[in-house]
Amino acid sequence: MKTVRLHSKGPEVTTLCEILARMGYLVMVSDVFTTAVDEAVKSFQSDYNLVV
């Protein structure tokens, strides 16, 4: 998977959103990396003690 960040768009973002949604971190799946996706990623990282 390539690196995605805020405002990225494409199938990689959709895949990330689908995974986050299945894990309960995100409600809406999209192909755009929004602030909601960014917050979901940060919550996931915090919950799993991942340092970025």
Protein backbone atom coordinates (compact mmCIF):
# COMPACT_ATOMS: atom_id res chain seq x y z
CA MET A 1 0.00 0.00 0.00
CA LYS A 2 1.37 3.42 -0.87
CA THR A 3 1.57 6.23 1.67
CA VAL A 4 -1.63 8.24 1.98
CA ARG A 5 -2.22 11.46 3.87
CA LEU A 6 -4.79 14.20 4.32
CA HIS A 7 -6.47 15.02 0.98
CA SER A 8 -5.12 11.88 -0.75
CA LYS A 9 -7.64 10.20 -3.03
CA GLY A 10 -7.91 6.78 -4.58
CA PRO A 11 -8.41 3.06 -4.03
CA GLU A 12 -5.75 2.91 -1.30
CA VAL A 13 -7.79 5.38 0.77
CA THR A 14 -10.96 3.36 0.16
CA THR A 15 -9.20 0.21 1.41
CA LEU A 16 -7.93 2.04 4.50
CA CYS A 17 -11.43 3.39 5.21
CA GLU A 18 -12.98 -0.06 4.83
CA ILE A 19 -10.51 -1.53 7.33
CA LEU A 20 -11.03 1.31 9.82
CA ALA A 21 -14.82 0.96 9.43
CA ARG A 22 -14.71 -2.80 10.08
CA MET A 23 -12.70 -2.11 13.22
CA GLY A 24 -15.21 0.49 14.43
CA TYR A 25 -13.01 3.56 13.95
CA LEU A 26 -14.87 5.09 11.02
CA VAL A 27 -18.50 5.34 10.00
CA MET A 28 -18.35 6.47 6.35
CA VAL A 29 -16.16 4.82 3.70
CA SER A 30 -14.81 7.16 1.04
CA ASP A 31 -11.99 7.40 -1.49
CA VAL A 32 -10.86 10.75 0.00
CA PHE A 33 -8.60 11.00 3.06
CA THR A 34 -10.60 13.50 5.11
CA THR A 35 -10.03 14.89 8.59
CA ALA A 36 -12.40 12.17 9.86
CA VAL A 37 -10.13 9.51 8.37
CA ASP A 38 -7.10 11.25 9.87
CA GLU A 39 -8.73 11.23 13.31
CA ALA A 40 -9.66 7.55 12.92
CA VAL A 41 -6.06 6.67 12.02
CA LYS A 42 -4.76 8.61 15.02
CA SER A 43 -7.25 6.85 17.32
CA PHE A 44 -6.16 3.46 15.97
CA GLN A 45 -2.49 4.36 16.45
CA SER A 46 -3.16 5.53 20.01
CA ASP A 47 -5.18 2.44 20.92
CA TYR A 48 -2.39 0.16 19.70
CA ASN A 49 0.44 2.30 21.13
CA LEU A 50 1.90 2.94 17.68
CA VAL A 51 4.40 5.78 17.57
CA VAL A 52 4.52 7.68 14.30
